[in-house]
Amino acid sequence: DVVNEYVTIVLAEDAEYRIGQSRETLEFRVGQVD
């Protein structure tokens, strides 16, 4: 149970990290264009 909980947290953190990074990059590029 603990290992599976670790895996769930890692997958959620990975998805959040990648989406958050791409979203921050997009916001920066949009602001730069404006």
Full PDB file with SEQRES, HELIX, SHEET, SSBOND, CRYST1, ORIGX, SCALE, CONECT and MASTER records, all heavy atoms in Angstrom:
SEQRES   1 A   34  ASP VAL VAL ASN GLU TYR VAL THR ILE VAL LEU ALA GLU          
SEQRES   2 A   34  ASP ALA GLU TYR ARG ILE GLY GLN SER ARG GLU THR LEU          
SEQRES   3 A   34  GLU PHE ARG VAL GLY GLN VAL ASP                              
HELIX    1 AA1 VAL A    2  VAL A   33  1                                  32    
CRYST1    1.000    1.000    1.000  90.00  90.00  90.00 P 1           1          
ORIGX1      1.000000  0.000000  0.000000        0.00000                         
ORIGX2      0.000000  1.000000  0.000000        0.00000                         
ORIGX3      0.000000  0.000000  1.000000        0.00000                         
SCALE1      1.000000  0.000000  0.000000        0.00000                         
SCALE2      0.000000  1.000000  0.000000        0.00000                         
SCALE3      0.000000  0.000000  1.000000        0.00000                         
ATOM      1  N   ASP A   1       0.827  -1.215   0.000  1.00  0.00           N  
ATOM      2  CA  ASP A   1       0.000   0.000   0.000  1.00  0.00           C  
ATOM      3  C   ASP A   1       0.857   1.259   0.000  1.00  0.00           C  
ATOM      4  O   ASP A   1       0.561   2.234  -0.709  1.00  0.00           O  
ATOM      5  CB  ASP A   1      -0.923  -0.004   1.217  1.00  0.00           C  
ATOM      6  CG  ASP A   1      -2.004  -1.075   1.111  1.00  0.00           C  
ATOM      7  OD1 ASP A   1      -2.280  -1.508  -0.021  1.00  0.00           O  
ATOM      8  OD2 ASP A   1      -2.544  -1.480   2.165  1.00  0.00           O  
ATOM      9  N   VAL A   2       1.918   1.263   0.796  1.00  0.00           N  
ATOM     10  CA  VAL A   2       2.781   2.444   0.864  1.00  0.00           C  
ATOM     11  C   VAL A   2       3.474   2.684  -0.476  1.00  0.00           C  
ATOM     12  O   VAL A   2       3.545   3.818  -0.967  1.00  0.00           O  
ATOM     13  CB  VAL A   2       3.810   2.286   2.002  1.00  0.00           C  
ATOM     14  CG1 VAL A   2       4.858   3.398   1.930  1.00  0.00           C  
ATOM     15  CG2 VAL A   2       3.127   2.311   3.352  1.00  0.00           C  
ATOM     16  N   VAL A   3       3.978   1.623  -1.103  1.00  0.00           N  
ATOM     17  CA  VAL A   3       4.663   1.788  -2.391  1.00  0.00           C  
ATOM     18  C   VAL A   3       3.686   2.282  -3.455  1.00  0.00           C  
ATOM     19  O   VAL A   3       4.004   3.177  -4.248  1.00  0.00           O  
ATOM     20  CB  VAL A   3       5.315   0.461  -2.824  1.00  0.00           C  
ATOM     21  CG1 VAL A   3       5.871   0.572  -4.243  1.00  0.00           C  
ATOM     22  CG2 VAL A   3       6.442   0.104  -1.875  1.00  0.00           C  
ATOM     23  N   ASN A   4       2.487   1.730  -3.471  1.00  0.00           N  
ATOM     24  CA  ASN A   4       1.492   2.190  -4.453  1.00  0.00           C  
ATOM     25  C   ASN A   4       1.089   3.640  -4.200  1.00  0.00           C  
ATOM     26  O   ASN A   4       0.831   4.393  -5.146  1.00  0.00           O  
ATOM     27  CB  ASN A   4       0.269   1.286  -4.414  1.00  0.00           C  
ATOM     28  CG  ASN A   4       0.551  -0.090  -5.013  1.00  0.00           C  
ATOM     29  OD1 ASN A   4       1.368  -0.220  -5.924  1.00  0.00           O  
ATOM     30  ND2 ASN A   4      -0.101  -1.113  -4.489  1.00  0.00           N  
ATOM     31  N   GLU A   5       1.033   4.033  -2.930  1.00  0.00           N  
ATOM     32  CA  GLU A   5       0.760   5.434  -2.628  1.00  0.00           C  
ATOM     33  C   GLU A   5       1.900   6.319  -3.112  1.00  0.00           C  
ATOM     34  O   GLU A   5       1.655   7.409  -3.664  1.00  0.00           O  
ATOM     35  CB  GLU A   5       0.568   5.596  -1.120  1.00  0.00           C  
ATOM     36  CG  GLU A   5       0.202   7.006  -0.689  1.00  0.00           C  
ATOM     37  CD  GLU A   5      -1.193   7.414  -1.129  1.00  0.00           C  
ATOM     38  OE1 GLU A   5      -1.985   6.530  -1.505  1.00  0.00           O  
ATOM     39  OE2 GLU A   5      -1.479   8.633  -1.110  1.00  0.00           O  
ATOM     40  N   TYR A   6       3.131   5.842  -2.901  1.00  0.00           N  
ATOM     41  CA  TYR A   6       4.287   6.569  -3.445  1.00  0.00           C  
ATOM     42  C   TYR A   6       4.163   6.738  -4.963  1.00  0.00           C  
ATOM     43  O   TYR A   6       4.392   7.830  -5.521  1.00  0.00           O  
ATOM     44  CB  TYR A   6       5.578   5.823  -3.126  1.00  0.00           C  
ATOM     45  CG  TYR A   6       6.074   5.961  -1.710  1.00  0.00           C  
ATOM     46  CD1 TYR A   6       6.989   5.049  -1.176  1.00  0.00           C  
ATOM     47  CD2 TYR A   6       5.640   6.985  -0.895  1.00  0.00           C  
ATOM     48  CE1 TYR A   6       7.456   5.182   0.112  1.00  0.00           C  
ATOM     49  CE2 TYR A   6       6.097   7.117   0.400  1.00  0.00           C  
ATOM     50  CZ  TYR A   6       7.009   6.210   0.903  1.00  0.00           C  
ATOM     51  OH  TYR A   6       7.468   6.341   2.193  1.00  0.00           O  
ATOM     52  N   VAL A   7       3.800   5.657  -5.659  1.00  0.00           N  
ATOM     53  CA  VAL A   7       3.684   5.697  -7.111  1.00  0.00           C  
ATOM     54  C   VAL A   7       2.599   6.683  -7.543  1.00  0.00           C  
ATOM     55  O   VAL A   7       2.779   7.471  -8.492  1.00  0.00           O  
ATOM     56  CB  VAL A   7       3.384   4.291  -7.659  1.00  0.00           C  
ATOM     57  CG1 VAL A   7       3.027   4.358  -9.149  1.00  0.00           C  
ATOM     58  CG2 VAL A   7       4.579   3.383  -7.460  1.00  0.00           C  
ATOM     59  N   THR A   8       1.469   6.668  -6.830  1.00  0.00           N  
ATOM     60  CA  THR A   8       0.386   7.601  -7.158  1.00  0.00           C  
ATOM     61  C   THR A   8       0.853   9.048  -7.005  1.00  0.00           C  
ATOM     62  O   THR A   8       0.579   9.905  -7.860  1.00  0.00           O  
ATOM     63  CB  THR A   8      -0.819   7.342  -6.249  1.00  0.00           C  
ATOM     64  OG1 THR A   8      -1.251   5.987  -6.421  1.00  0.00           O  
ATOM     65  CG2 THR A   8      -1.966   8.289  -6.581  1.00  0.00           C  
ATOM     66  N   ILE A   9       1.562   9.317  -5.909  1.00  0.00           N  
ATOM     67  CA  ILE A   9       2.053  10.681  -5.680  1.00  0.00           C  
ATOM     68  C   ILE A   9       3.068  11.073  -6.746  1.00  0.00           C  
ATOM     69  O   ILE A   9       3.053  12.199  -7.259  1.00  0.00           O  
ATOM     70  CB  ILE A   9       2.658  10.790  -4.271  1.00  0.00           C  
ATOM     71  CG1 ILE A   9       1.572  10.593  -3.205  1.00  0.00           C  
ATOM     72  CG2 ILE A   9       3.344  12.137  -4.076  1.00  0.00           C  
ATOM     73  CD1 ILE A   9       2.101  10.557  -1.793  1.00  0.00           C  
ATOM     74  N   VAL A  10       3.953  10.153  -7.106  1.00  0.00           N  
ATOM     75  CA  VAL A  10       4.978  10.458  -8.114  1.00  0.00           C  
ATOM     76  C   VAL A  10       4.331  10.759  -9.457  1.00  0.00           C  
ATOM     77  O   VAL A  10       4.705  11.726 -10.141  1.00  0.00           O  
ATOM     78  CB  VAL A  10       5.964   9.278  -8.236  1.00  0.00           C  
ATOM     79  CG1 VAL A  10       6.855   9.450  -9.463  1.00  0.00           C  
ATOM     80  CG2 VAL A  10       6.832   9.185  -6.992  1.00  0.00           C  
ATOM     81  N   LEU A  11       3.347   9.947  -9.861  1.00  0.00           N  
ATOM     82  CA  LEU A  11       2.677  10.196 -11.143  1.00  0.00           C  
ATOM     83  C   LEU A  11       1.946  11.531 -11.136  1.00  0.00           C  
ATOM     84  O   LEU A  11       1.978  12.283 -12.128  1.00  0.00           O  
ATOM     85  CB  LEU A  11       1.693   9.060 -11.433  1.00  0.00           C  
ATOM     86  CG  LEU A  11       2.318   7.678 -11.718  1.00  0.00           C  
ATOM     87  CD1 LEU A  11       1.231   6.636 -11.922  1.00  0.00           C  
ATOM     88  CD2 LEU A  11       3.236   7.718 -12.921  1.00  0.00           C  
ATOM     89  N   ALA A  12       1.261  11.838 -10.007  1.00  0.00           N  
ATOM     90  CA  ALA A  12       0.553  13.118  -9.921  1.00  0.00           C  
ATOM     91  C   ALA A  12       1.530  14.289  -9.952  1.00  0.00           C  
ATOM     92  O   ALA A  12       1.293  15.292 -10.633  1.00  0.00           O  
ATOM     93  CB  ALA A  12      -0.292  13.158  -8.645  1.00  0.00           C  
ATOM     94  N   GLU A  13       2.645  14.158  -9.211  1.00  0.00           N  
ATOM     95  CA  GLU A  13       3.648  15.221  -9.200  1.00  0.00           C  
ATOM     96  C   GLU A  13       4.266  15.400 -10.585  1.00  0.00           C  
ATOM     97  O   GLU A  13       4.507  16.530 -11.027  1.00  0.00           O  
ATOM     98  CB  GLU A  13       4.739  14.892  -8.177  1.00  0.00           C  
ATOM     99  CG  GLU A  13       4.309  14.980  -6.730  1.00  0.00           C  
ATOM    100  CD  GLU A  13       4.262  16.417  -6.248  1.00  0.00           C  
ATOM    101  OE1 GLU A  13       4.791  17.297  -6.950  1.00  0.00           O  
ATOM    102  OE2 GLU A  13       3.680  16.662  -5.174  1.00  0.00           O  
ATOM    103  N   ASP A  14       4.506  14.289 -11.278  1.00  0.00           N  
ATOM    104  CA  ASP A  14       5.109  14.373 -12.614  1.00  0.00           C  
ATOM    105  C   ASP A  14       4.172  15.085 -13.584  1.00  0.00           C  
ATOM    106  O   ASP A  14       4.589  15.980 -14.334  1.00  0.00           O  
ATOM    107  CB  ASP A  14       5.423  12.965 -13.121  1.00  0.00           C  
ATOM    108  CG  ASP A  14       5.979  12.969 -14.532  1.00  0.00           C  
ATOM    109  OD1 ASP A  14       7.125  13.408 -14.711  1.00  0.00           O  
ATOM    110  OD2 ASP A  14       5.253  12.554 -15.443  1.00  0.00           O  
ATOM    111  N   ALA A  15       2.874  14.681 -13.571  1.00  0.00           N  
ATOM    112  CA  ALA A  15       1.917  15.332 -14.469  1.00  0.00           C  
ATOM    113  C   ALA A  15       1.750  16.804 -14.135  1.00  0.00           C  
ATOM    114  O   ALA A  15       1.726  17.671 -15.018  1.00  0.00           O  
ATOM    115  CB  ALA A  15       0.568  14.611 -14.383  1.00  0.00           C  
ATOM    116  N   GLU A  16       1.661  17.097 -12.830  1.00  0.00           N  
ATOM    117  CA  GLU A  16       1.503  18.500 -12.423  1.00  0.00           C  
ATOM    118  C   GLU A  16       2.730  19.320 -12.790  1.00  0.00           C  
ATOM    119  O   GLU A  16       2.620  20.477 -13.228  1.00  0.00           O  
ATOM    120  CB  GLU A  16       1.263  18.565 -10.918  1.00  0.00           C  
ATOM    121  CG  GLU A  16       1.031  19.969 -10.384  1.00  0.00           C  
ATOM    122  CD  GLU A  16       0.783  19.988  -8.893  1.00  0.00           C  
ATOM    123  OE1 GLU A  16       0.759  18.892  -8.279  1.00  0.00           O  
ATOM    124  OE2 GLU A  16       0.626  21.083  -8.331  1.00  0.00           O  
ATOM    125  N   TYR A  17       3.894  18.722 -12.613  1.00  0.00           N  
ATOM    126  CA  TYR A  17       5.137  19.434 -12.943  1.00  0.00           C  
ATOM    127  C   TYR A  17       5.211  19.753 -14.427  1.00  0.00           C  
ATOM    128  O   TYR A  17       5.504  20.884 -14.827  1.00  0.00           O  
ATOM    129  CB  TYR A  17       6.332  18.589 -12.518  1.00  0.00           C  
ATOM    130  CG  TYR A  17       7.660  19.132 -12.968  1.00  0.00           C  
ATOM    131  CD1 TYR A  17       8.295  20.130 -12.242  1.00  0.00           C  
ATOM    132  CD2 TYR A  17       8.281  18.645 -14.116  1.00  0.00           C  
ATOM    133  CE1 TYR A  17       9.522  20.645 -12.662  1.00  0.00           C  
ATOM    134  CE2 TYR A  17       9.495  19.151 -14.542  1.00  0.00           C  
ATOM    135  CZ  TYR A  17      10.113  20.143 -13.801  1.00  0.00           C  
ATOM    136  OH  TYR A  17      11.313  20.644 -14.230  1.00  0.00           O  
ATOM    137  N   ARG A  18       4.916  18.759 -15.267  1.00  0.00           N  
ATOM    138  CA  ARG A  18       5.044  18.960 -16.708  1.00  0.00           C  
ATOM    139  C   ARG A  18       3.989  19.945 -17.212  1.00  0.00           C  
ATOM    140  O   ARG A  18       4.307  20.855 -17.991  1.00  0.00           O  
ATOM    141  CB  ARG A  18       4.902  17.622 -17.434  1.00  0.00           C  
ATOM    142  CG  ARG A  18       6.046  16.661 -17.139  1.00  0.00           C  
ATOM    143  CD  ARG A  18       5.899  15.372 -17.924  1.00  0.00           C  
ATOM    144  NE  ARG A  18       6.940  14.429 -17.569  1.00  0.00           N  
ATOM    145  CZ  ARG A  18       8.177  14.458 -18.059  1.00  0.00           C  
ATOM    146  NH1 ARG A  18       8.505  15.365 -18.949  1.00  0.00           N  
ATOM    147  NH2 ARG A  18       9.083  13.572 -17.672  1.00  0.00           N  
ATOM    148  N   ILE A  19       2.739  19.788 -16.764  1.00  0.00           N  
ATOM    149  CA  ILE A  19       1.691  20.708 -17.208  1.00  0.00           C  
ATOM    150  C   ILE A  19       1.960  22.111 -16.673  1.00  0.00           C  
ATOM    151  O   ILE A  19       1.809  23.109 -17.381  1.00  0.00           O  
ATOM    152  CB  ILE A  19       0.310  20.197 -16.752  1.00  0.00           C  
ATOM    153  CG1 ILE A  19      -0.021  18.881 -17.478  1.00  0.00           C  
ATOM    154  CG2 ILE A  19      -0.775  21.237 -17.025  1.00  0.00           C  
ATOM    155  CD1 ILE A  19      -1.313  18.243 -17.033  1.00  0.00           C  
ATOM    156  N   GLY A  20       2.381  22.191 -15.400  1.00  0.00           N  
ATOM    157  CA  GLY A  20       2.677  23.506 -14.832  1.00  0.00           C  
ATOM    158  C   GLY A  20       3.826  24.191 -15.534  1.00  0.00           C  
ATOM    159  O   GLY A  20       3.779  25.401 -15.785  1.00  0.00           O  
ATOM    160  N   GLN A  21       4.859  23.420 -15.874  1.00  0.00           N  
ATOM    161  CA  GLN A  21       5.994  24.022 -16.572  1.00  0.00           C  
ATOM    162  C   GLN A  21       5.597  24.510 -17.959  1.00  0.00           C  
ATOM    163  O   GLN A  21       5.970  25.615 -18.377  1.00  0.00           O  
ATOM    164  CB  GLN A  21       7.128  23.002 -16.675  1.00  0.00           C  
ATOM    165  CG  GLN A  21       8.431  23.595 -17.197  1.00  0.00           C  
ATOM    166  CD  GLN A  21       9.515  22.552 -17.305  1.00  0.00           C  
ATOM    167  OE1 GLN A  21       9.271  21.449 -17.779  1.00  0.00           O  
ATOM    168  NE2 GLN A  21      10.714  22.882 -16.881  1.00  0.00           N  
ATOM    169  N   SER A  22       4.829  23.678 -18.688  1.00  0.00           N  
ATOM    170  CA  SER A  22       4.394  24.107 -20.024  1.00  0.00           C  
ATOM    171  C   SER A  22       3.456  25.300 -19.937  1.00  0.00           C  
ATOM    172  O   SER A  22       3.508  26.205 -20.772  1.00  0.00           O  
ATOM    173  CB  SER A  22       3.712  22.946 -20.743  1.00  0.00           C  
ATOM    174  OG  SER A  22       2.531  22.547 -20.063  1.00  0.00           O  
ATOM    175  N   ARG A  23       2.591  25.329 -18.899  1.00  0.00           N  
ATOM    176  CA  ARG A  23       1.673  26.461 -18.758  1.00  0.00           C  
ATOM    177  C   ARG A  23       2.429  27.743 -18.413  1.00  0.00           C  
ATOM    178  O   ARG A  23       2.127  28.823 -18.941  1.00  0.00           O  
ATOM    179  CB  ARG A  23       0.649  26.127 -17.676  1.00  0.00           C  
ATOM    180  CG  ARG A  23      -0.537  27.078 -17.609  1.00  0.00           C  
ATOM    181  CD  ARG A  23      -1.326  27.068 -18.907  1.00  0.00           C  
ATOM    182  NE  ARG A  23      -1.660  25.750 -19.405  1.00  0.00           N  
ATOM    183  CZ  ARG A  23      -2.680  25.008 -18.959  1.00  0.00           C  
ATOM    184  NH1 ARG A  23      -3.471  25.501 -18.010  1.00  0.00           N  
ATOM    185  NH2 ARG A  23      -2.922  23.823 -19.466  1.00  0.00           N  
ATOM    186  N   GLU A  24       3.409  27.645 -17.526  1.00  0.00           N  
ATOM    187  CA  GLU A  24       4.218  28.824 -17.193  1.00  0.00           C  
ATOM    188  C   GLU A  24       4.999  29.312 -18.411  1.00  0.00           C  
ATOM    189  O   GLU A  24       5.124  30.523 -18.638  1.00  0.00           O  
ATOM    190  CB  GLU A  24       5.171  28.486 -16.054  1.00  0.00           C  
ATOM    191  CG  GLU A  24       4.479  28.293 -14.709  1.00  0.00           C  
ATOM    192  CD  GLU A  24       5.460  27.921 -13.626  1.00  0.00           C  
ATOM    193  OE1 GLU A  24       6.673  27.828 -13.935  1.00  0.00           O  
ATOM    194  OE2 GLU A  24       5.034  27.724 -12.470  1.00  0.00           O  
ATOM    195  N   THR A  25       5.523  28.364 -19.185  1.00  0.00           N  
ATOM    196  CA  THR A  25       6.247  28.754 -20.403  1.00  0.00           C  
ATOM    197  C   THR A  25       5.314  29.461 -21.384  1.00  0.00           C  
ATOM    198  O   THR A  25       5.680  30.482 -21.985  1.00  0.00           O  
ATOM    199  CB  THR A  25       6.864  27.510 -21.069  1.00  0.00           C  
ATOM    200  OG1 THR A  25       7.744  26.867 -20.139  1.00  0.00           O  
ATOM    201  CG2 THR A  25       7.642  27.895 -22.310  1.00  0.00           C  
ATOM    202  N   LEU A  26       4.086  28.935 -21.525  1.00  0.00           N  
ATOM    203  CA  LEU A  26       3.122  29.556 -22.435  1.00  0.00           C  
ATOM    204  C   LEU A  26       2.749  30.955 -21.955  1.00  0.00           C  
ATOM    205  O   LEU A  26       2.683  31.899 -22.760  1.00  0.00           O  
ATOM    206  CB  LEU A  26       1.883  28.675 -22.536  1.00  0.00           C  
ATOM    207  CG  LEU A  26       0.738  29.222 -23.414  1.00  0.00           C  
ATOM    208  CD1 LEU A  26       1.225  29.466 -24.840  1.00  0.00           C  
ATOM    209  CD2 LEU A  26      -0.441  28.274 -23.387  1.00  0.00           C  
ATOM    210  N   GLU A  27       2.505  31.105 -20.653  1.00  0.00           N  
ATOM    211  CA  GLU A  27       2.156  32.425 -20.129  1.00  0.00           C  
ATOM    212  C   GLU A  27       3.291  33.420 -20.344  1.00  0.00           C  
ATOM    213  O   GLU A  27       3.064  34.589 -20.679  1.00  0.00           O  
ATOM    214  CB  GLU A  27       1.811  32.310 -18.646  1.00  0.00           C  
ATOM    215  CG  GLU A  27       0.517  31.553 -18.372  1.00  0.00           C  
ATOM    216  CD  GLU A  27       0.260  31.377 -16.887  1.00  0.00           C  
ATOM    217  OE1 GLU A  27       1.153  31.791 -16.097  1.00  0.00           O  
ATOM    218  OE2 GLU A  27      -0.799  30.839 -16.523  1.00  0.00           O  
ATOM    219  N   PHE A  28       4.524  32.953 -20.154  1.00  0.00           N  
ATOM    220  CA  PHE A  28       5.665  33.844 -20.374  1.00  0.00           C  
ATOM    221  C   PHE A  28       5.761  34.260 -21.834  1.00  0.00           C  
ATOM    222  O   PHE A  28       5.986  35.440 -22.142  1.00  0.00           O  
ATOM    223  CB  PHE A  28       6.951  33.143 -19.938  1.00  0.00           C  
ATOM    224  CG  PHE A  28       8.197  33.892 -20.295  1.00  0.00           C  
ATOM    225  CD1 PHE A  28       8.596  34.990 -19.557  1.00  0.00           C  
ATOM    226  CD2 PHE A  28       8.968  33.511 -21.390  1.00  0.00           C  
ATOM    227  CE1 PHE A  28       9.744  35.693 -19.896  1.00  0.00           C  
ATOM    228  CE2 PHE A  28      10.115  34.216 -21.738  1.00  0.00           C  
ATOM    229  CZ  PHE A  28      10.490  35.303 -20.978  1.00  0.00           C  
ATOM    230  N   ARG A  29       5.575  33.303 -22.755  1.00  0.00           N  
ATOM    231  CA  ARG A  29       5.670  33.624 -24.182  1.00  0.00           C  
ATOM    232  C   ARG A  29       4.547  34.558 -24.613  1.00  0.00           C  
ATOM    233  O   ARG A  29       4.763  35.479 -25.418  1.00  0.00           O  
ATOM    234  CB  ARG A  29       5.628  32.337 -25.017  1.00  0.00           C  
ATOM    235  CG  ARG A  29       6.809  31.407 -24.800  1.00  0.00           C  
ATOM    236  CD  ARG A  29       8.107  32.098 -25.068  1.00  0.00           C  
ATOM    237  NE  ARG A  29       9.236  31.195 -24.896  1.00  0.00           N  
ATOM    238  CZ  ARG A  29      10.502  31.572 -24.897  1.00  0.00           C  
ATOM    239  NH1 ARG A  29      10.806  32.849 -25.057  1.00  0.00           N  
ATOM    240  NH2 ARG A  29      11.479  30.703 -24.722  1.00  0.00           N  
ATOM    241  N   VAL A  30       3.338  34.341 -24.088  1.00  0.00           N  
ATOM    242  CA  VAL A  30       2.226  35.230 -24.424  1.00  0.00           C  
ATOM    243  C   VAL A  30       2.509  36.644 -23.932  1.00  0.00           C  
ATOM    244  O   VAL A  30       2.293  37.637 -24.637  1.00  0.00           O  
ATOM    245  CB  VAL A  30       0.917  34.686 -23.832  1.00  0.00           C  
ATOM    246  CG1 VAL A  30      -0.203  35.715 -23.962  1.00  0.00           C  
ATOM    247  CG2 VAL A  30       0.509  33.395 -24.536  1.00  0.00           C  
ATOM    248  N   GLY A  31       2.986  36.749 -22.684  1.00  0.00           N  
ATOM    249  CA  GLY A  31       3.337  38.070 -22.169  1.00  0.00           C  
ATOM    250  C   GLY A  31       4.444  38.730 -22.957  1.00  0.00           C  
ATOM    251  O   GLY A  31       4.423  39.949 -23.180  1.00  0.00           O  
ATOM    252  N   GLN A  32       5.414  37.932 -23.401  1.00  0.00           N  
ATOM    253  CA  GLN A  32       6.509  38.484 -24.196  1.00  0.00           C  
ATOM    254  C   GLN A  32       6.003  39.011 -25.532  1.00  0.00           C  
ATOM    255  O   GLN A  32       6.403  40.100 -25.979  1.00  0.00           O  
ATOM    256  CB  GLN A  32       7.564  37.401 -24.420  1.00  0.00           C  
ATOM    257  CG  GLN A  32       8.833  37.905 -25.086  1.00  0.00           C  
ATOM    258  CD  GLN A  32       9.842  36.782 -25.287  1.00  0.00           C  
ATOM    259  OE1 GLN A  32       9.466  35.629 -25.468  1.00  0.00           O  
ATOM    260  NE2 GLN A  32      11.113  37.114 -25.264  1.00  0.00           N  
ATOM    261  N   VAL A  33       5.108  38.254 -26.175  1.00  0.00           N  
ATOM    262  CA  VAL A  33       4.545  38.708 -27.459  1.00  0.00           C  
ATOM    263  C   VAL A  33       3.738  39.989 -27.261  1.00  0.00           C  
ATOM    264  O   VAL A  33       3.858  40.942 -28.052  1.00  0.00           O  
ATOM    265  CB  VAL A  33       3.675  37.595 -28.072  1.00  0.00           C  
ATOM    266  CG1 VAL A  33       2.887  38.134 -29.266  1.00  0.00           C  
ATOM    267  CG2 VAL A  33       4.542  36.429 -28.521  1.00  0.00           C  
ATOM    268  N   ASP A  34       2.912  40.037 -26.209  1.00  0.00           N  
ATOM    269  CA  ASP A  34       2.114  41.249 -25.956  1.00  0.00           C  
ATOM    270  C   ASP A  34       3.010  42.455 -25.688  1.00  0.00           C  
ATOM    271  O   ASP A  34       2.746  43.560 -26.182  1.00  0.00           O  
ATOM    272  CB  ASP A  34       1.177  41.015 -24.765  1.00  0.00           C  
ATOM    273  CG  ASP A  34       0.117  39.963 -25.077  1.00  0.00           C  
ATOM    274  OD1 ASP A  34      -0.128  39.712 -26.272  1.00  0.00           O  
ATOM    275  OD2 ASP A  34      -0.444  39.382 -24.130  1.00  0.00           O  
TER     276      ASP A  34                                                      
MASTER        0    0    0    1    0    0    0    6  275    1    0    3          
END                                                                             
